[in-house]
Amino acid sequence: MVRLAIIADVHGNKPALDAVLADVRLVGADRLIVNGDVVNRGPDGVAVMEDLLAQGAQFTLGNHDALMNLWHDRDPEIPTEWFHDPFFASFSWCANELSRAGLLQEFTRWPMTLRVDVPGAPSVVVAHGTPDHYREGIGRRMSEARMGQLLDESAADVLVGSHTHVPGEWRLGSKLLINTGAVGAPFNRDARAQYLLLRLQGDCWQPEIRFVPYDLSAVLRNYEESGLLSHGGLSAHIFREELPAAYPIYARFWEWVEGENRAKDWNAWREFERIVLPQYGLTPVG
């Protein structure tokens, strides 16, 4: 029986990755595919890159992987003022760590889309978001018409995406779309590390989303011990808050400050923390 382990959205969370790789070995996966967003947000980007490269994994490019080179190179695609905004200091910290380790070049080698060919098996196409764009996520907000279009254009029997940090499965006739969920920062209110295992049974792929407990306190400490929390500004603090909540706090904060026409600063965060977070049933980590 062929087994494919497809992991994504590690986001520099080494304790979560360690637990998932142990589970991948436990289930006897034949191939490991890393579907983008290995780095940024979390404190252990260099370590997780080194670990995954040593595994001989296949990679696709995620938007956060690409962002690290764009940020490091001060690419005009990014608003100039962001490079000087303390809110985004975590991006600079992560990009600088990867640059010092000589790892930024790795991302330039990763394809946007990967086709998995297994003799006698239905075709599997893997992309961080979709084959059209790494920021387009497969999920409940995507229309059935769009799902069908993606399946047709990619000529996939099974289309695998990530990016949203929320796992899921959608069937269209005999074809299947799957979201892997996230290893390092799930957004489905379940803080366990999550990934996709595909088992070939006969001539069909059988999907399973694996939920893997890990030492959350270890990665929370790593934010402090690595220097990311002290040098990464408000965004680093929010990324850390997201892990135990397993909820997209960064996105909700961004939406709130834009709606209130507020700066993305600590004063706005304290108000958001006091007024808005409880509306989502969330309590700050501190």
Foldseek 3Di string as FASTA:
>chain_A
DAKEWEAEQQAQQVQLVVQVVVVCVVVPHPAYEYAENQHFLFQRSVVSVVVVVVVVHAYAYAPLLVVLVCLVVVPPVDPNVLNVDLQQQLSVVGSVVCVVVVNNVVNVPHHQKDWDDDPLAFIEIEGAAASVDNQHHDDPVDDPVVVVVRCVVVVGQEYEYENVLEWDWDDDPSGIYIYFHHSHFHAPQQLFGWGWMWDCDRHYTDIDIDGTHGDLVVRLVSCVVSCSVVRRFPSSQVSNQRRNRSHPPVVVLVVVCVVVVHDPHPVSVVVCQVPPQVVVVDHGPD
